[in-house]
Protein backbone atom coordinates (compact mmCIF):
# COMPACT_ATOMS: atom_id res chain seq x y z
CA UNK A 1 25.05 -89.95 -21.60
CA UNK A 2 24.14 -88.30 -18.21
CA UNK A 3 23.60 -90.61 -15.27
CA UNK A 4 20.62 -90.35 -12.84
CA UNK A 5 22.95 -88.90 -10.19
CA UNK A 6 24.01 -86.08 -12.55
CA UNK A 7 20.39 -85.27 -13.37
CA UNK A 8 19.49 -84.97 -9.70
CA UNK A 9 22.34 -82.49 -9.06
CA UNK A 10 21.63 -80.36 -12.15
CA UNK A 11 18.78 -78.19 -10.64
CA UNK A 12 20.93 -77.32 -7.62
CA UNK A 13 23.75 -76.24 -9.96
CA UNK A 14 21.37 -73.96 -11.89
CA UNK A 15 20.12 -72.27 -8.69
CA UNK A 16 23.66 -71.57 -7.54
CA UNK A 17 24.60 -70.03 -10.91
CA UNK A 18 21.49 -67.80 -10.94
CA UNK A 19 22.18 -66.52 -7.43
CA UNK A 20 25.73 -65.63 -8.37
CA UNK A 21 24.64 -63.82 -11.54
CA UNK A 22 21.61 -62.05 -9.98
CA UNK A 23 21.60 -58.32 -8.94
CA UNK A 24 21.24 -59.37 -5.31
CA UNK A 25 24.42 -61.39 -5.58
CA UNK A 26 26.18 -58.47 -7.20
CA UNK A 27 25.06 -56.20 -4.37
CA UNK A 28 26.55 -58.62 -1.89
CA UNK A 29 29.87 -58.24 -3.70
CA UNK A 30 29.97 -54.50 -3.01
CA UNK A 31 27.68 -52.90 -5.61
CA UNK A 32 24.82 -52.16 -3.23
CA UNK A 33 25.61 -48.40 -3.01
CA UNK A 34 25.07 -47.75 -6.71
CA UNK A 35 21.33 -47.19 -6.32
CA UNK A 36 21.69 -45.04 -3.23
CA UNK A 37 24.18 -42.74 -4.97
CA UNK A 38 22.30 -42.45 -8.28
CA UNK A 39 20.51 -39.29 -9.39
CA UNK A 40 16.78 -39.33 -8.56
CA UNK A 41 16.00 -36.69 -11.21
CA UNK A 42 14.85 -37.46 -14.73
CA UNK A 43 17.10 -35.09 -16.69
CA UNK A 44 16.22 -36.39 -20.14
CA UNK A 45 14.35 -33.16 -20.85
CA UNK A 46 17.70 -31.34 -21.18
CA UNK A 47 18.06 -32.72 -24.72
CA UNK A 48 14.48 -32.16 -25.85
CA UNK A 49 13.33 -29.02 -24.04
CA UNK A 50 13.51 -25.87 -26.26
CA UNK A 51 15.86 -23.92 -23.97
CA UNK A 52 18.24 -21.31 -25.34
CA UNK A 53 21.93 -22.25 -24.80
CA UNK A 54 23.18 -18.99 -26.34
CA UNK A 55 24.27 -17.39 -23.01
CA UNK A 56 26.64 -20.33 -22.46
CA UNK A 57 27.92 -20.66 -26.03
CA UNK A 58 31.18 -19.37 -27.44
CA UNK A 59 34.73 -19.27 -26.17
CA UNK A 60 34.04 -16.54 -23.58
CA UNK A 61 30.39 -16.77 -22.44
CA UNK A 62 28.71 -14.38 -20.05
CA UNK A 63 29.19 -16.33 -16.82
CA UNK A 64 26.38 -14.60 -14.93
CA UNK A 65 23.79 -15.14 -17.66
CA UNK A 66 25.04 -18.67 -18.32
CA UNK A 67 24.84 -19.73 -14.68
CA UNK A 68 21.32 -18.40 -14.35
CA UNK A 69 20.33 -20.28 -17.50
CA UNK A 70 21.81 -23.56 -16.23
CA UNK A 71 20.26 -23.04 -12.80
CA UNK A 72 16.80 -22.48 -14.29
CA UNK A 73 17.26 -25.51 -16.56
CA UNK A 74 18.24 -27.69 -13.60
CA UNK A 75 15.26 -26.28 -11.69
CA UNK A 76 12.89 -27.94 -14.18
CA UNK A 77 14.04 -31.34 -12.93
CA UNK A 78 13.70 -30.31 -9.29
CA UNK A 79 10.19 -28.93 -9.86
CA UNK A 80 9.15 -32.08 -11.72
CA UNK A 81 10.41 -34.25 -8.85
CA UNK A 82 8.48 -32.06 -6.41
CA UNK A 83 5.38 -32.62 -8.55
CA UNK A 84 5.81 -36.41 -8.32
CA UNK A 85 7.22 -36.98 -4.83
CA UNK A 86 6.36 -33.82 -2.89
CA UNK A 87 10.02 -33.27 -1.94
CA UNK A 88 11.84 -30.02 -2.68
CA UNK A 89 15.44 -31.10 -2.22
CA UNK A 90 17.54 -34.15 -3.11
CA UNK A 91 17.90 -36.85 -0.44
CA UNK A 92 21.68 -36.77 0.00
CA UNK A 93 24.90 -35.05 -0.99
CA UNK A 94 25.85 -38.10 -3.06
CA UNK A 95 22.58 -37.86 -5.01
CA UNK A 96 23.18 -34.15 -5.62
CA UNK A 97 26.68 -34.87 -6.92
CA UNK A 98 25.38 -37.62 -9.20
CA UNK A 99 22.72 -35.30 -10.65
CA UNK A 100 25.26 -32.57 -11.37
CA UNK A 101 27.52 -35.07 -13.13
CA UNK A 102 24.63 -36.30 -15.29
CA UNK A 103 23.61 -32.71 -15.99
CA UNK A 104 27.18 -31.94 -17.11
CA UNK A 105 27.16 -34.83 -19.58
CA UNK A 106 23.79 -33.82 -21.02
CA UNK A 107 24.62 -30.18 -21.73
CA UNK A 108 27.97 -31.25 -23.20
CA UNK A 109 26.30 -33.58 -25.69
CA UNK A 110 24.22 -32.63 -28.72
CA UNK A 111 22.22 -30.56 -29.39
CA UNK A 112 23.55 -28.03 -26.86
CA UNK A 113 27.22 -29.00 -27.26
CA UNK A 114 28.45 -26.76 -24.43
CA UNK A 115 31.66 -26.99 -22.47
CA UNK A 116 29.95 -28.56 -19.49
CA UNK A 117 33.15 -29.66 -17.77
CA UNK A 118 34.18 -26.02 -17.28
CA UNK A 119 30.79 -24.28 -17.02
CA UNK A 120 29.13 -26.53 -14.43
CA UNK A 121 31.92 -26.29 -11.81
CA UNK A 122 31.85 -22.52 -12.30
CA UNK A 123 28.10 -22.30 -11.75
CA UNK A 124 27.73 -25.10 -9.18
CA UNK A 125 30.94 -25.00 -7.12
CA UNK A 126 29.43 -27.13 -4.34
CA UNK A 127 28.24 -30.48 -5.79
CA UNK A 128 26.11 -31.13 -2.71
CA UNK A 129 24.28 -27.81 -2.81
CA UNK A 130 20.94 -29.34 -3.85
CA UNK A 131 20.85 -31.85 -0.97
CA UNK A 132 18.36 -31.46 1.86
CA UNK A 133 19.57 -29.52 4.91
CA UNK A 134 17.68 -28.67 8.13
CA UNK A 135 18.64 -24.98 7.92
CA UNK A 136 17.14 -24.46 4.46
CA UNK A 137 14.25 -21.96 4.85
CA UNK A 138 13.08 -22.93 8.34
CA UNK A 139 13.48 -26.62 7.58
CA UNK A 140 10.75 -26.73 4.89
CA UNK A 141 11.54 -29.73 2.70
CA UNK A 142 8.16 -31.04 1.49
CA UNK A 143 5.06 -29.61 -0.17
CA UNK A 144 3.04 -30.39 2.96
CA UNK A 145 5.43 -28.40 5.15
CA UNK A 146 5.32 -25.56 2.62
CA UNK A 147 1.51 -25.42 2.79
CA UNK A 148 1.60 -25.45 6.59
CA UNK A 149 4.12 -22.59 6.67
CA UNK A 150 2.38 -20.24 4.22
CA UNK A 151 -1.21 -21.09 5.17
CA UNK A 152 -4.15 -22.48 3.21
CA UNK A 153 -5.19 -19.06 1.88
CA UNK A 154 -1.77 -18.46 0.31
CA UNK A 155 -1.70 -21.96 -1.17
CA UNK A 156 -5.15 -21.52 -2.72
CA UNK A 157 -4.16 -18.11 -4.11
CA UNK A 158 -0.96 -19.59 -5.54
CA UNK A 159 -2.82 -22.48 -7.16
CA UNK A 160 -5.44 -20.11 -8.58
CA UNK A 161 -2.96 -17.56 -9.97
CA UNK A 162 -0.30 -19.97 -11.24
CA UNK A 163 -2.57 -22.81 -12.29
CA UNK A 164 -3.60 -21.52 -15.76
CA UNK A 165 -1.41 -21.22 -18.83
CA UNK A 166 1.36 -18.74 -17.99
CA UNK A 167 2.00 -17.73 -21.60
CA UNK A 168 0.12 -14.47 -21.07
CA UNK A 169 2.25 -11.65 -19.56
CA UNK A 170 -0.64 -10.56 -17.35
CA UNK A 171 -1.13 -14.09 -15.98
CA UNK A 172 2.60 -14.47 -15.42
CA UNK A 173 2.76 -11.20 -13.48
CA UNK A 174 -0.20 -12.24 -11.32
CA UNK A 175 1.41 -15.59 -10.57
CA UNK A 176 4.63 -13.91 -9.55
CA UNK A 177 2.88 -11.42 -7.28
CA UNK A 178 1.12 -14.27 -5.49
CA UNK A 179 4.41 -16.12 -5.13
CA UNK A 180 5.96 -13.06 -3.50
CA UNK A 181 3.12 -12.96 -0.98
CA UNK A 182 3.67 -16.63 -0.14
CA UNK A 183 7.39 -15.98 0.24
CA UNK A 184 6.64 -13.32 2.84
CA UNK A 185 5.03 -15.97 5.07
CA UNK A 186 8.02 -18.28 4.65
CA UNK A 187 10.42 -15.46 5.46
CA UNK A 188 8.51 -14.73 8.66
CA UNK A 189 8.77 -18.39 9.67
CA UNK A 190 12.51 -18.33 8.95
CA UNK A 191 13.18 -14.98 10.66
CA UNK A 192 16.07 -16.37 12.69
CA UNK A 193 17.50 -18.38 9.83
CA UNK A 194 20.51 -17.02 7.96
CA UNK A 195 19.39 -18.93 4.85
CA UNK A 196 15.93 -17.31 4.74
CA UNK A 197 16.70 -15.93 1.26
CA UNK A 198 16.22 -19.47 -0.07
CA UNK A 199 12.50 -19.29 0.74
CA UNK A 200 11.78 -17.53 -2.56
CA UNK A 201 13.26 -20.50 -4.40
CA UNK A 202 10.75 -22.81 -2.67
CA UNK A 203 7.84 -20.62 -3.80
CA UNK A 204 9.14 -20.72 -7.37
CA UNK A 205 9.43 -24.52 -7.41
CA UNK A 206 5.99 -24.90 -5.81
CA UNK A 207 4.39 -22.63 -8.42
CA UNK A 208 6.04 -24.45 -11.33
CA UNK A 209 5.83 -27.99 -9.98
CA UNK A 210 2.52 -28.15 -8.12
CA UNK A 211 0.36 -25.07 -8.73
CA UNK A 212 0.65 -24.97 -12.52
CA UNK A 213 -1.54 -27.53 -14.26
CA UNK A 214 0.84 -28.05 -17.18
CA UNK A 215 3.93 -28.55 -15.04
CA UNK A 216 7.52 -27.29 -15.31
CA UNK A 217 8.27 -29.12 -18.56
CA UNK A 218 5.74 -26.90 -20.37
CA UNK A 219 7.82 -24.11 -22.00
CA UNK A 220 5.63 -21.13 -20.94
CA UNK A 221 5.70 -22.38 -17.34
CA UNK A 222 9.49 -22.67 -17.34
CA UNK A 223 9.84 -19.28 -19.03
CA UNK A 224 7.59 -17.50 -16.52
CA UNK A 225 8.21 -19.23 -13.20
CA UNK A 226 11.86 -20.19 -13.69
CA UNK A 227 12.88 -17.35 -16.01
CA UNK A 228 14.36 -19.72 -18.59
CA UNK A 229 14.98 -18.34 -22.07
CA UNK A 230 13.41 -20.34 -24.90
CA UNK A 231 14.92 -20.99 -28.30
CA UNK A 232 11.75 -21.75 -30.25
CA UNK A 233 10.34 -18.62 -31.91
CA UNK A 234 6.64 -17.84 -31.47
CA UNK A 235 4.32 -19.04 -34.26
CA UNK A 236 4.17 -16.71 -37.24
CA UNK A 237 0.88 -14.80 -37.56
CA UNK A 238 -1.37 -15.47 -40.50
CA UNK A 239 -1.43 -13.26 -43.57
CA UNK A 240 -4.72 -11.64 -42.56
CA UNK A 241 -3.41 -10.77 -39.11
CA UNK A 242 -0.28 -9.28 -40.69
CA UNK A 243 -2.43 -6.98 -42.81
CA UNK A 244 -4.37 -5.88 -39.73
CA UNK A 245 -1.18 -5.20 -37.80
CA UNK A 246 0.33 -3.18 -40.65
CA UNK A 247 -2.89 -1.22 -41.15
CA UNK A 248 -3.01 -0.31 -37.47
CA UNK A 249 0.72 0.40 -37.13
CA UNK A 250 1.12 2.82 -40.05
CA UNK A 251 -1.20 5.58 -38.72
CA UNK A 252 0.23 5.17 -35.23
CA UNK A 253 3.73 5.54 -36.65
CA UNK A 254 2.74 8.77 -38.41
CA UNK A 255 1.32 10.17 -35.15
CA UNK A 256 4.51 9.29 -33.28
CA UNK A 257 6.72 10.78 -36.00
CA UNK A 258 4.71 13.99 -36.01
CA UNK A 259 4.93 14.22 -32.22
CA UNK A 260 8.68 13.62 -32.27
CA UNK A 261 9.19 16.22 -34.99
CA UNK A 262 7.20 18.80 -33.02
CA UNK A 263 9.19 17.99 -29.90
CA UNK A 264 12.44 18.39 -31.86
CA UNK A 265 11.47 21.87 -33.09
CA UNK A 266 10.35 22.98 -29.63
CA UNK A 267 13.52 21.63 -28.04
CA UNK A 268 15.73 23.34 -30.59
CA UNK A 269 14.01 26.69 -30.03
CA UNK A 270 14.22 26.41 -26.27
CA UNK A 271 17.88 25.39 -26.37
CA UNK A 272 18.76 28.39 -28.52
CA UNK A 273 16.87 30.77 -26.22
CA UNK A 274 18.53 29.50 -23.06
CA UNK A 275 22.09 29.20 -24.39
CA UNK A 276 23.27 32.37 -22.58
CA UNK A 277 21.75 31.25 -19.29
CA UNK A 278 23.45 27.89 -19.60
CA UNK A 279 26.86 29.43 -20.25
CA UNK A 280 26.47 31.55 -17.11
CA UNK A 281 25.45 28.45 -15.16
CA UNK A 282 28.56 26.56 -16.28
CA UNK A 283 30.77 29.44 -15.20
CA UNK A 284 29.28 29.30 -11.71
CA UNK A 285 30.07 25.60 -11.46
CA UNK A 286 33.79 26.40 -11.31
CA UNK A 287 35.90 23.28 -11.16
CA UNK A 288 33.04 20.92 -10.34
CA UNK A 289 31.91 18.30 -12.82
CA UNK A 290 28.44 19.10 -14.09
CA UNK A 291 27.61 15.42 -14.59
CA UNK A 292 29.16 12.72 -12.46
CA UNK A 293 28.12 9.37 -13.88
CA UNK A 294 30.13 7.48 -11.29
CA UNK A 295 27.58 8.46 -8.63
CA UNK A 296 24.35 9.55 -10.36
CA UNK A 297 21.87 11.34 -8.13
CA UNK A 298 18.84 10.21 -10.14
CA UNK A 299 17.79 7.71 -12.80
CA UNK A 300 20.33 7.09 -15.55
CA UNK A 301 18.10 5.12 -17.92
CA UNK A 302 15.19 6.88 -19.58
CA UNK A 303 12.98 3.86 -18.80
CA UNK A 304 13.68 4.30 -15.07
CA UNK A 305 12.85 7.99 -15.31
CA UNK A 306 9.57 7.36 -17.15
CA UNK A 307 8.59 4.50 -14.83
CA UNK A 308 9.18 6.66 -11.73
CA UNK A 309 6.88 9.40 -13.01
CA UNK A 310 4.16 6.99 -14.12
CA UNK A 311 4.12 5.07 -10.81
CA UNK A 312 3.91 8.41 -8.97
CA UNK A 313 0.78 9.30 -10.95
CA UNK A 314 2.50 11.92 -13.11
CA UNK A 315 2.41 10.21 -16.49
CA UNK A 316 1.75 13.54 -18.23
CA UNK A 317 5.14 14.83 -17.12
CA UNK A 318 6.79 12.26 -19.39
CA UNK A 319 5.25 14.01 -22.39
CA UNK A 320 6.16 17.30 -23.94
CA UNK A 321 4.29 20.30 -22.55
CA UNK A 322 2.42 20.71 -25.82
CA UNK A 323 1.02 17.18 -25.45
CA UNK A 324 0.60 16.96 -21.68
CA UNK A 325 -1.98 19.71 -21.19
CA UNK A 326 -5.42 18.57 -20.11
CA UNK A 327 -6.96 20.51 -22.99
CA UNK A 328 -4.94 18.60 -25.58
CA UNK A 329 -7.19 16.11 -27.38
CA UNK A 330 -4.25 13.73 -27.76
CA UNK A 331 -3.04 13.76 -24.15
CA UNK A 332 -4.93 10.59 -23.20
CA UNK A 333 -3.70 8.78 -26.29
CA UNK A 334 -0.10 9.80 -25.64
CA UNK A 335 -0.35 8.63 -22.03
CA UNK A 336 -1.43 5.25 -23.34
CA UNK A 337 1.58 5.27 -25.68
CA UNK A 338 3.87 5.89 -22.70
CA UNK A 339 2.40 2.99 -20.72
CA UNK A 340 2.68 0.60 -23.66
CA UNK A 341 6.25 1.74 -24.27
CA UNK A 342 7.24 0.97 -20.67
CA UNK A 343 5.68 -2.49 -20.97
CA UNK A 344 7.46 -3.18 -24.26
CA UNK A 345 10.78 -2.16 -22.67
CA UNK A 346 10.35 -4.51 -19.70
CA UNK A 347 13.59 -6.31 -18.97
CA UNK A 348 11.85 -9.68 -18.60
CA UNK A 349 10.99 -10.99 -22.05
CA UNK A 350 8.14 -13.14 -20.72
CA UNK A 351 6.28 -10.04 -19.48
CA UNK A 352 6.59 -7.99 -22.67
CA UNK A 353 3.42 -7.88 -24.78
CA UNK A 354 3.45 -9.33 -28.27
CA UNK A 355 3.30 -7.02 -31.28
CA UNK A 356 -0.37 -7.79 -31.83
CA UNK A 357 -1.20 -7.15 -28.15
CA UNK A 358 0.78 -3.90 -28.19
CA UNK A 359 -1.15 -2.71 -31.25
CA UNK A 360 -4.45 -3.57 -29.57
CA UNK A 361 -3.38 -1.62 -26.48
CA UNK A 362 -2.40 1.39 -28.58
CA UNK A 363 -5.74 1.31 -30.39
CA UNK A 364 -7.67 1.04 -27.13
CA UNK A 365 -9.10 -2.39 -27.95
CA UNK A 366 -7.23 -3.95 -25.03
CA UNK A 367 -6.68 -2.61 -21.53
CA UNK A 368 -3.10 -1.82 -20.55
CA UNK A 369 -2.21 -4.10 -17.59
CA UNK A 370 -0.95 -2.66 -14.34
CA UNK A 371 2.73 -1.78 -14.45
CA UNK A 372 5.12 -3.73 -12.19
CA UNK A 373 6.13 -2.08 -8.94
CA UNK A 374 9.64 -1.47 -10.27
CA UNK A 375 11.80 -2.54 -13.23
CA UNK A 376 13.42 -5.97 -13.08
CA UNK A 377 17.06 -6.28 -12.15
CA UNK A 378 18.94 -8.75 -14.27
CA UNK A 379 19.77 -11.05 -11.34
CA UNK A 380 17.65 -11.93 -8.36
CA UNK A 381 19.41 -12.41 -5.03
CA UNK A 382 16.95 -14.98 -3.70
CA UNK A 383 19.26 -17.84 -2.85
CA UNK A 384 18.84 -21.02 -4.82
CA UNK A 385 21.20 -22.77 -2.45
CA UNK A 386 23.70 -22.22 0.28
CA UNK A 387 26.38 -21.88 -2.43
CA UNK A 388 25.04 -18.46 -3.46
CA UNK A 389 23.50 -19.17 -6.88
CA UNK A 390 20.43 -17.22 -7.92
CA UNK A 391 17.37 -17.61 -10.03
CA UNK A 392 16.58 -14.84 -12.50
CA UNK A 393 12.85 -15.06 -12.11
CA UNK A 394 10.51 -12.17 -12.59
CA UNK A 395 9.56 -8.80 -11.18
CA UNK A 396 11.48 -7.18 -8.35
CA UNK A 397 9.22 -5.58 -5.76
CA UNK A 398 10.03 -3.04 -3.15
CA UNK A 399 7.70 -4.70 -0.64
CA UNK A 400 7.87 -8.28 0.62
CA UNK A 401 10.73 -9.10 -1.73
CA UNK A 402 12.96 -6.26 -0.59
CA UNK A 403 15.30 -8.49 1.49
CA UNK A 404 16.08 -10.50 -1.64
CA UNK A 405 16.87 -7.64 -4.04
CA UNK A 406 20.44 -6.88 -4.97
CA UNK A 407 20.36 -3.21 -5.94
CA UNK A 408 23.78 -3.45 -7.52
CA UNK A 409 22.67 -5.81 -10.27
CA UNK A 410 22.71 -4.54 -13.84
CA UNK A 411 19.57 -4.34 -15.93
CA UNK A 412 19.18 -6.67 -18.84
C-alpha cells in the first residue's frame, strides 16, 4: 500500500518521464536537425497524378526524354509550393537533397516502378540544384520579386492568359506567348547574370503555380505549362459524334486522294520529260555529291519546308501548280488543308488539335488558329537549374526566347 510520501512524489516522477519522452527532449538529445533537413514539398502526387512513365521505362530508356519527364514531374511540386508559400526555390541544399531522395523512392515504388536509384542521379547530378541561390535569375526568389521585375502589366497579362483552363491548344499557345514576354523582362533585369537562362523556368512556375486557377496538379495545366506527358487517354466521343466525324471525314478523304492522284500523274509526266536534262545536270556535277545530308543547305523535314513557306505568306507554293492558281475554286480549301496539316504535325502534343477540332477546321466551321513562330525543338535550353537540366515546355520563338534556344536539338 503506497504511503503519503510516495503519493506526494508521484506527480514529479510523471513530469520527469514526460519531458524525457517528449519531442522537445528528443531534440535536446541531437534530433533537432531532422525538421530543418526534411523536404518541404508535398510529393504525394507522384503516385496519383496521371503522368506517363514510358520515357523512363525499360532496360535502356531514352535519357533525354526521361530526364525532361522527371524534371517536369518534380516541377509540379515546386509550382504547388510557390502557390502556397510564394517561394520559387527550396530553402537549403539539405532540403533539396531530402526532396530528391523522397522523389527517388516515389518513382521507384508502384505504380511507376522505375529504376529511380539510377535514373535520378543521371538526371539530377547535383542534389542541391533546387536550393535558393542569389545568382539565380537576378536574385528573384519570391512571387513578389517576380512581379516587381516583370512589371504589373506583364503579371496581369500572364494571369489573364494562363488563368483559364489550358486544355485548349489555342489557350495554351496564348499562355506560352505571354510567358515568353514576361521572360524578356526578367532577362533584361539579369543581363549581367550568367544564369539568366533560368529566368524562363521562373515564368513557367509562376504560370502554373499562381496564374492558373486550377493549379499545377490539374493535368491540362501540367501538360501545357510544364510539358509533362499524360498517361490517361482523352474521353471517348459519343456514338453520335463519331457518326458526324466519319460523315465529314469521308468526303474530305476522297478530295485528298483525288488531289494526290492528280499530283502523282503530273509529277510522273514532268519527271519523264525532264529526264534528259537531269542526266546532263548530273554529268556537270563531276565528283561532287548532289545531296549532302551531313550539312543540308535548307530544310530537311517536309514540315519545316511547308512551315517556312506558310509563315512567309506563300502558302500556295506548298500546293501543286494545278491547285495553287488563284482561279482554282479549290485553292482556298487546299490552303486550309495545309494549315491544318501543319497544326496536326506540331511536335508538342498539347498544341495539336483533336480529331473533332481538325474536322471542324477543315469544314470551315472553326477558324484555324495562328501558327507558332517556328516548330518546337524537342528540348528547351532554358535552364531549370545551375546543373544544366532543361524543361521541355512549349513553342520555340525566334524573338525574346532566342537566347534560350538550342538549335542543335532534335525534333520530336
